[in-house]
Amino acid sequence: MIQVYPAGERFHFDREWLRGSHSFSFGEYQDPNNMSFGPLRVFNDDTIAPSYGFGAHPHSDMEIVSIILQGQLRHEDNIGNVAVSSFGGIQRMSAGTGVIHTEHNASKENDCNLLQLWFEPEVRGLTPSYMTSSFNPASLNGKLVPVVSRQGGENQATIHQDLTIYLSRLEKGEQIEFVQQPNRRMYVFVINGALRLGDGQVLFARDAARIEQESRLELTAEQPVFWMLIDLP
């Protein structure tokens, strides 16, 4: 079963210093029929104005992944971590028993665009932790590259959940087949470009698909495309 969620149907907002969209219930947007997809609880597409950001605020029992698409994101928390990441960089925070952090656009001139994903952890009450990782954007060409996974690895952030986040770039006409294990889900998100799914539906920039009960998924670039696939329980 493949269910497509066009970009235009998501909740959009513009607060001048912060603009973006929510794929699931978050903040002022609340829909009891759109709370999560498996352990994926939040998928926010945020653009932060220069020098602005989120002041100190708490989190607990959530795996939070920030994927920077443009600009620079600065993180600081109360367990001693400070980091600035740009395109190719990923920040992962396990909030566990509780952590307080800030997030800001580190640039005084340019916007910062990021995707922030929250996942329910496999186990609650973990010791809070934080890490950064990075990938070579050129390595994404023509293949699915894991950038976040439970087991971790070279150029991958580790996460306390049985999932893998992949990124890929395809040229027009290139195709990838993803073979899925039984009783698992897939979440596909197009960052830019256009991607045709195996059932013929086409995802354009910022469109998403929630996929269940599919053992194989063929994905073909309708035009040059930068996209994400998340393998979920």
C-alpha atoms as a PDB file:
ATOM      1  CA  MET A   1       0.000   0.000   0.000  1.00  0.00           C
ATOM      2  CA  ILE A   2       1.418   3.363  -1.073  1.00  0.00           C
ATOM      3  CA  GLN A   3      -0.151   6.576   0.193  1.00  0.00           C
ATOM      4  CA  VAL A   4       1.169   9.844  -1.257  1.00  0.00           C
ATOM      5  CA  TYR A   5       1.146  13.111   0.716  1.00  0.00           C
ATOM      6  CA  PRO A   6       1.643  16.110  -1.615  1.00  0.00           C
ATOM      7  CA  ALA A   7       3.720  18.990  -0.293  1.00  0.00           C
ATOM      8  CA  GLY A   8       0.830  21.416  -0.646  1.00  0.00           C
ATOM      9  CA  GLU A   9      -1.370  19.419   1.715  1.00  0.00           C
ATOM     10  CA  ARG A  10       0.980  19.617   4.680  1.00  0.00           C
ATOM     11  CA  PHE A  11       0.632  22.207   7.431  1.00  0.00           C
ATOM     12  CA  HIS A  12       2.588  25.325   6.408  1.00  0.00           C
ATOM     13  CA  PHE A  13       3.493  28.369   8.478  1.00  0.00           C
ATOM     14  CA  ASP A  14       5.478  31.595   8.178  1.00  0.00           C
ATOM     15  CA  ARG A  15       6.609  33.473  11.301  1.00  0.00           C
ATOM     16  CA  GLU A  16       9.120  35.614   9.382  1.00  0.00           C
ATOM     17  CA  TRP A  17      12.089  34.319  11.385  1.00  0.00           C
ATOM     18  CA  LEU A  18      10.920  30.717  10.899  1.00  0.00           C
ATOM     19  CA  ARG A  19       8.953  29.213   8.036  1.00  0.00           C
ATOM     20  CA  GLY A  20       8.299  25.645   7.044  1.00  0.00           C
ATOM     21  CA  SER A  21       5.907  22.723   7.163  1.00  0.00           C
ATOM     22  CA  HIS A  22       4.923  19.827   9.439  1.00  0.00           C
ATOM     23  CA  SER A  23       4.182  16.355   8.095  1.00  0.00           C
ATOM     24  CA  PHE A  24       2.742  15.135  11.422  1.00  0.00           C
ATOM     25  CA  SER A  25       0.938  16.769  14.341  1.00  0.00           C
ATOM     26  CA  PHE A  26       3.311  19.224  15.980  1.00  0.00           C
ATOM     27  CA  GLY A  27       2.924  22.480  17.888  1.00  0.00           C
ATOM     28  CA  GLU A  28      -0.119  24.430  16.751  1.00  0.00           C
ATOM     29  CA  TYR A  29      -0.957  21.809  14.134  1.00  0.00           C
ATOM     30  CA  GLN A  30      -2.876  18.956  15.716  1.00  0.00           C
ATOM     31  CA  ASP A  31      -4.657  16.159  13.845  1.00  0.00           C
ATOM     32  CA  PRO A  32      -5.472  12.985  15.818  1.00  0.00           C
ATOM     33  CA  ASN A  33      -5.462  11.057  12.530  1.00  0.00           C
ATOM     34  CA  ASN A  34      -1.949  12.178  11.656  1.00  0.00           C
ATOM     35  CA  MET A  35       0.212  11.586  14.696  1.00  0.00           C
ATOM     36  CA  SER A  36       2.958   9.254  13.444  1.00  0.00           C
ATOM     37  CA  PHE A  37       4.080   6.578  11.011  1.00  0.00           C
ATOM     38  CA  GLY A  38       5.541   3.700  12.976  1.00  0.00           C
ATOM     39  CA  PRO A  39       8.171   5.232  15.291  1.00  0.00           C
ATOM     40  CA  LEU A  40       8.432   8.344  13.063  1.00  0.00           C
ATOM     41  CA  ARG A  41       6.713  11.022  15.133  1.00  0.00           C
ATOM     42  CA  VAL A  42       7.884  14.337  13.636  1.00  0.00           C
ATOM     43  CA  PHE A  43       9.064  15.350  10.164  1.00  0.00           C
ATOM     44  CA  ASN A  44       9.551  19.117  10.048  1.00  0.00           C
ATOM     45  CA  ASP A  45      10.951  21.088   7.116  1.00  0.00           C
ATOM     46  CA  ASP A  46      12.271  24.324   8.682  1.00  0.00           C
ATOM     47  CA  THR A  47      13.974  27.420   7.304  1.00  0.00           C
ATOM     48  CA  ILE A  48      15.506  29.653   9.980  1.00  0.00           C
ATOM     49  CA  ALA A  49      16.352  33.289   9.245  1.00  0.00           C
ATOM     50  CA  PRO A  50      19.925  34.527   9.802  1.00  0.00           C
ATOM     51  CA  SER A  51      20.941  34.795  13.481  1.00  0.00           C
ATOM     52  CA  TYR A  52      17.570  33.449  14.679  1.00  0.00           C
ATOM     53  CA  GLY A  53      16.724  30.136  16.291  1.00  0.00           C
ATOM     54  CA  PHE A  54      15.177  28.254  19.171  1.00  0.00           C
ATOM     55  CA  GLY A  55      16.101  29.271  22.718  1.00  0.00           C
ATOM     56  CA  ALA A  56      16.773  26.804  25.518  1.00  0.00           C
ATOM     57  CA  HIS A  57      14.046  24.159  25.650  1.00  0.00           C
ATOM     58  CA  PRO A  58      13.782  20.598  27.011  1.00  0.00           C
ATOM     59  CA  HIS A  59      13.245  17.203  25.395  1.00  0.00           C
ATOM     60  CA  SER A  60      12.950  13.685  26.776  1.00  0.00           C
ATOM     61  CA  ASP A  61      12.572  10.130  25.439  1.00  0.00           C
ATOM     62  CA  MET A  62      12.939  11.042  21.789  1.00  0.00           C
ATOM     63  CA  GLU A  63      15.564  10.401  19.093  1.00  0.00           C
ATOM     64  CA  ILE A  64      15.999  13.695  17.222  1.00  0.00           C
ATOM     65  CA  VAL A  65      17.799  13.846  13.866  1.00  0.00           C
ATOM     66  CA  SER A  66      18.609  17.115  12.078  1.00  0.00           C
ATOM     67  CA  ILE A  67      19.694  16.917   8.433  1.00  0.00           C
ATOM     68  CA  ILE A  68      21.094  20.223   7.218  1.00  0.00           C
ATOM     69  CA  LEU A  69      20.260  21.046   3.588  1.00  0.00           C
ATOM     70  CA  GLN A  70      21.453  24.655   3.428  1.00  0.00           C
ATOM     71  CA  GLY A  71      23.330  27.056   5.679  1.00  0.00           C
ATOM     72  CA  GLN A  72      24.655  26.352   9.167  1.00  0.00           C
ATOM     73  CA  LEU A  73      22.889  24.977  12.251  1.00  0.00           C
ATOM     74  CA  ARG A  74      24.413  25.548  15.683  1.00  0.00           C
ATOM     75  CA  HIS A  75      23.513  23.197  18.559  1.00  0.00           C
ATOM     76  CA  GLU A  76      24.372  23.652  22.244  1.00  0.00           C
ATOM     77  CA  ASP A  77      23.089  21.602  25.187  1.00  0.00           C
ATOM     78  CA  ASN A  78      23.378  21.263  28.944  1.00  0.00           C
ATOM     79  CA  ILE A  79      25.474  18.102  28.747  1.00  0.00           C
ATOM     80  CA  GLY A  80      28.408  19.965  27.242  1.00  0.00           C
ATOM     81  CA  ASN A  81      27.957  19.623  23.482  1.00  0.00           C
ATOM     82  CA  VAL A  82      28.430  22.475  21.024  1.00  0.00           C
ATOM     83  CA  ALA A  83      28.476  21.924  17.256  1.00  0.00           C
ATOM     84  CA  VAL A  84      27.890  23.719  13.963  1.00  0.00           C
ATOM     85  CA  SER A  85      26.842  21.645  10.942  1.00  0.00           C
ATOM     86  CA  SER A  86      26.335  22.554   7.287  1.00  0.00           C
ATOM     87  CA  PHE A  87      25.204  20.638   4.185  1.00  0.00           C
ATOM     88  CA  GLY A  88      26.435  17.064   4.434  1.00  0.00           C
ATOM     89  CA  GLY A  89      26.206  17.226   8.211  1.00  0.00           C
ATOM     90  CA  ILE A  90      23.795  15.406  10.499  1.00  0.00           C
ATOM     91  CA  GLN A  91      23.108  15.980  14.187  1.00  0.00           C
ATOM     92  CA  ARG A  92      21.557  13.234  16.348  1.00  0.00           C
ATOM     93  CA  MET A  93      20.371  13.801  19.900  1.00  0.00           C
ATOM     94  CA  SER A  94      19.024  11.071  22.172  1.00  0.00           C
ATOM     95  CA  ALA A  95      17.007  13.057  24.687  1.00  0.00           C
ATOM     96  CA  GLY A  96      16.527  10.090  27.022  1.00  0.00           C
ATOM     97  CA  THR A  97      15.880  11.072  30.636  1.00  0.00           C
ATOM     98  CA  GLY A  98      16.023  14.739  29.707  1.00  0.00           C
ATOM     99  CA  VAL A  99      18.189  17.311  27.958  1.00  0.00           C
ATOM    100  CA  ILE A 100      17.992  21.070  27.412  1.00  0.00           C
ATOM    101  CA  HIS A 101      19.363  22.526  24.192  1.00  0.00           C
ATOM    102  CA  THR A 102      19.326  25.495  21.825  1.00  0.00           C
ATOM    103  CA  GLU A 103      19.366  25.534  18.019  1.00  0.00           C
ATOM    104  CA  HIS A 104      20.304  28.601  15.999  1.00  0.00           C
ATOM    105  CA  ASN A 105      21.201  29.653  12.497  1.00  0.00           C
ATOM    106  CA  ALA A 106      24.932  30.273  12.847  1.00  0.00           C
ATOM    107  CA  SER A 107      25.021  32.679   9.886  1.00  0.00           C
ATOM    108  CA  LYS A 108      24.266  36.397  10.074  1.00  0.00           C
ATOM    109  CA  GLU A 109      23.582  36.528   6.320  1.00  0.00           C
ATOM    110  CA  ASN A 110      22.081  33.283   4.993  1.00  0.00           C
ATOM    111  CA  ASP A 111      19.038  31.137   5.765  1.00  0.00           C
ATOM    112  CA  CYS A 112      19.414  27.694   7.325  1.00  0.00           C
ATOM    113  CA  ASN A 113      17.167  24.960   5.920  1.00  0.00           C
ATOM    114  CA  LEU A 114      16.975  21.625   7.697  1.00  0.00           C
ATOM    115  CA  LEU A 115      14.821  18.565   8.002  1.00  0.00           C
ATOM    116  CA  GLN A 116      14.230  17.610  11.632  1.00  0.00           C
ATOM    117  CA  LEU A 117      12.914  14.129  12.362  1.00  0.00           C
ATOM    118  CA  TRP A 118      11.834  12.757  15.727  1.00  0.00           C
ATOM    119  CA  PHE A 119      11.582   9.028  16.405  1.00  0.00           C
ATOM    120  CA  GLU A 120      10.273   7.117  19.383  1.00  0.00           C
ATOM    121  CA  PRO A 121      13.228   5.215  20.922  1.00  0.00           C
ATOM    122  CA  GLU A 122      13.222   1.459  21.376  1.00  0.00           C
ATOM    123  CA  VAL A 123      13.791   1.947  25.120  1.00  0.00           C
ATOM    124  CA  ARG A 124      12.739   4.856  27.310  1.00  0.00           C
ATOM    125  CA  GLY A 125      14.905   6.375  30.018  1.00  0.00           C
ATOM    126  CA  LEU A 126      18.215   6.326  28.123  1.00  0.00           C
ATOM    127  CA  THR A 127      21.157   8.442  29.212  1.00  0.00           C
ATOM    128  CA  PRO A 128      21.055  11.601  27.065  1.00  0.00           C
ATOM    129  CA  SER A 129      23.661  11.711  24.303  1.00  0.00           C
ATOM    130  CA  TYR A 130      24.552  13.692  21.209  1.00  0.00           C
ATOM    131  CA  MET A 131      26.671  13.145  18.120  1.00  0.00           C
ATOM    132  CA  THR A 132      27.411  14.640  14.736  1.00  0.00           C
ATOM    133  CA  SER A 133      28.256  12.831  11.527  1.00  0.00           C
ATOM    134  CA  SER A 134      28.808  13.822   7.916  1.00  0.00           C
ATOM    135  CA  PHE A 135      28.571  12.320   4.450  1.00  0.00           C
ATOM    136  CA  ASN A 136      30.149  13.221   1.134  1.00  0.00           C
ATOM    137  CA  PRO A 137      27.317  14.516  -1.087  1.00  0.00           C
ATOM    138  CA  ALA A 138      29.062  13.024  -4.147  1.00  0.00           C
ATOM    139  CA  SER A 139      28.754   9.554  -2.585  1.00  0.00           C
ATOM    140  CA  LEU A 140      24.965   9.706  -2.997  1.00  0.00           C
ATOM    141  CA  ASN A 141      25.099   9.627  -6.783  1.00  0.00           C
ATOM    142  CA  GLY A 142      23.257   6.637  -8.237  1.00  0.00           C
ATOM    143  CA  LYS A 143      22.722   4.754  -4.987  1.00  0.00           C
ATOM    144  CA  LEU A 144      21.029   4.704  -1.597  1.00  0.00           C
ATOM    145  CA  VAL A 145      23.512   5.652   1.115  1.00  0.00           C
ATOM    146  CA  PRO A 146      22.730   5.013   4.809  1.00  0.00           C
ATOM    147  CA  VAL A 147      23.411   8.144   6.855  1.00  0.00           C
ATOM    148  CA  VAL A 148      21.638   7.174  10.124  1.00  0.00           C
ATOM    149  CA  SER A 149      21.172   3.631  11.455  1.00  0.00           C
ATOM    150  CA  ARG A 150      20.948   1.622  14.652  1.00  0.00           C
ATOM    151  CA  GLN A 151      24.303  -0.079  14.038  1.00  0.00           C
ATOM    152  CA  GLY A 152      26.060   3.070  12.833  1.00  0.00           C
ATOM    153  CA  GLY A 153      29.174   2.901  10.691  1.00  0.00           C
ATOM    154  CA  GLU A 154      31.459   5.090   8.619  1.00  0.00           C
ATOM    155  CA  ASN A 155      29.798   8.451   7.938  1.00  0.00           C
ATOM    156  CA  GLN A 156      26.647   7.334   9.796  1.00  0.00           C
ATOM    157  CA  ALA A 157      25.005   8.574  12.954  1.00  0.00           C
ATOM    158  CA  THR A 158      23.756   5.904  15.349  1.00  0.00           C
ATOM    159  CA  ILE A 159      20.202   5.907  16.647  1.00  0.00           C
ATOM    160  CA  HIS A 160      18.376   3.975  19.373  1.00  0.00           C
ATOM    161  CA  GLN A 161      15.702   2.533  17.088  1.00  0.00           C
ATOM    162  CA  ASP A 162      15.570  -0.213  14.458  1.00  0.00           C
ATOM    163  CA  LEU A 163      15.581   2.098  11.455  1.00  0.00           C
ATOM    164  CA  THR A 164      17.826   3.359   8.674  1.00  0.00           C
ATOM    165  CA  ILE A 165      17.724   6.739   6.935  1.00  0.00           C
ATOM    166  CA  TYR A 166      19.059   6.669   3.368  1.00  0.00           C
ATOM    167  CA  LEU A 167      19.826   9.551   1.017  1.00  0.00           C
ATOM    168  CA  SER A 168      20.266   9.343  -2.746  1.00  0.00           C
ATOM    169  CA  ARG A 169      20.745  11.397  -5.897  1.00  0.00           C
ATOM    170  CA  LEU A 170      19.603  10.043  -9.264  1.00  0.00           C
ATOM    171  CA  GLU A 171      19.923  11.448 -12.762  1.00  0.00           C
ATOM    172  CA  LYS A 172      16.892  11.374 -15.054  1.00  0.00           C
ATOM    173  CA  GLY A 173      16.029   7.781 -15.948  1.00  0.00           C
ATOM    174  CA  GLU A 174      18.193   6.173 -13.255  1.00  0.00           C
ATOM    175  CA  GLN A 175      16.418   3.544 -11.182  1.00  0.00           C
ATOM    176  CA  ILE A 176      16.888   1.942  -7.777  1.00  0.00           C
ATOM    177  CA  GLU A 177      15.076  -1.068  -6.352  1.00  0.00           C
ATOM    178  CA  PHE A 178      14.673  -1.330  -2.590  1.00  0.00           C
ATOM    179  CA  VAL A 179      13.889  -4.775  -1.180  1.00  0.00           C
ATOM    180  CA  GLN A 180      11.968  -4.599   2.082  1.00  0.00           C
ATOM    181  CA  GLN A 181      11.756  -7.154   4.879  1.00  0.00           C
ATOM    182  CA  PRO A 182       8.292  -8.395   5.986  1.00  0.00           C
ATOM    183  CA  ASN A 183       6.236  -6.302   8.416  1.00  0.00           C
ATOM    184  CA  ARG A 184       8.228  -3.123   7.898  1.00  0.00           C
ATOM    185  CA  ARG A 185       7.417   0.308   6.531  1.00  0.00           C
ATOM    186  CA  MET A 186       9.055   2.775   4.151  1.00  0.00           C
ATOM    187  CA  TYR A 187       8.830   6.559   4.164  1.00  0.00           C
ATOM    188  CA  VAL A 188       9.973   8.320   0.991  1.00  0.00           C
ATOM    189  CA  PHE A 189      10.546  12.088   0.794  1.00  0.00           C
ATOM    190  CA  VAL A 190      11.688  14.070  -2.242  1.00  0.00           C
ATOM    191  CA  ILE A 191      13.966  16.976  -1.320  1.00  0.00           C
ATOM    192  CA  ASN A 192      14.079  18.282  -4.873  1.00  0.00           C
ATOM    193  CA  GLY A 193      13.393  16.899  -8.337  1.00  0.00           C
ATOM    194  CA  ALA A 194      10.853  14.207  -9.230  1.00  0.00           C
ATOM    195  CA  LEU A 195      10.714  10.493  -8.437  1.00  0.00           C
ATOM    196  CA  ARG A 196       8.363   7.877  -9.882  1.00  0.00           C
ATOM    197  CA  LEU A 197       7.264   5.060  -7.598  1.00  0.00           C
ATOM    198  CA  GLY A 198       6.676   1.518  -8.755  1.00  0.00           C
ATOM    199  CA  ASP A 199       2.921   1.999  -8.954  1.00  0.00           C
ATOM    200  CA  GLY A 200       3.354   4.926 -11.346  1.00  0.00           C
ATOM    201  CA  GLN A 201       2.740   7.756  -8.895  1.00  0.00           C
ATOM    202  CA  VAL A 202       5.238  10.616  -9.123  1.00  0.00           C
ATOM    203  CA  LEU A 203       6.591  12.531  -6.136  1.00  0.00           C
ATOM    204  CA  PHE A 204       7.755  16.094  -6.704  1.00  0.00           C
ATOM    205  CA  ALA A 205       9.774  18.389  -4.438  1.00  0.00           C
ATOM    206  CA  ARG A 206       8.730  18.018  -0.791  1.00  0.00           C
ATOM    207  CA  ASP A 207       6.138  15.320  -1.554  1.00  0.00           C
ATOM    208  CA  ALA A 208       6.172  12.202   0.661  1.00  0.00           C
ATOM    209  CA  ALA A 209       4.891   8.640   0.525  1.00  0.00           C
ATOM    210  CA  ARG A 210       4.045   6.303   3.399  1.00  0.00           C
ATOM    211  CA  ILE A 211       4.464   2.722   2.256  1.00  0.00           C
ATOM    212  CA  GLU A 212       3.375  -0.509   3.930  1.00  0.00           C
ATOM    213  CA  GLN A 213       3.028  -4.157   2.882  1.00  0.00           C
ATOM    214  CA  GLU A 214       5.346  -3.769  -0.105  1.00  0.00           C
ATOM    215  CA  SER A 215       8.233  -6.227  -0.418  1.00  0.00           C
ATOM    216  CA  ARG A 216       9.903  -4.431  -3.320  1.00  0.00           C
ATOM    217  CA  LEU A 217       9.878  -0.809  -4.362  1.00  0.00           C
ATOM    218  CA  GLU A 218      11.123   0.466  -7.708  1.00  0.00           C
ATOM    219  CA  LEU A 219      12.055   4.152  -7.781  1.00  0.00           C
ATOM    220  CA  THR A 220      12.894   5.967 -11.020  1.00  0.00           C
ATOM    221  CA  ALA A 221      14.053   9.539 -11.505  1.00  0.00           C
ATOM    222  CA  GLU A 222      11.566  11.468 -13.642  1.00  0.00           C
ATOM    223  CA  GLN A 223      14.102  14.307 -13.518  1.00  0.00           C
ATOM    224  CA  PRO A 224      17.308  14.742 -11.501  1.00  0.00           C
ATOM    225  CA  VAL A 225      16.250  14.045  -7.931  1.00  0.00           C
ATOM    226  CA  PHE A 226      17.616  14.309  -4.382  1.00  0.00           C
ATOM    227  CA  TRP A 227      15.553  12.132  -2.049  1.00  0.00           C
ATOM    228  CA  MET A 228      15.322  10.210   1.221  1.00  0.00           C
ATOM    229  CA  LEU A 229      14.073   6.751   2.136  1.00  0.00           C
ATOM    230  CA  ILE A 230      13.527   5.654   5.725  1.00  0.00           C
ATOM    231  CA  ASP A 231      13.259   1.926   6.513  1.00  0.00           C
ATOM    232  CA  LEU A 232      11.036   1.642   9.600  1.00  0.00           C
ATOM    233  CA  PRO A 233       9.570  -1.083  11.792  1.00  0.00           C
END
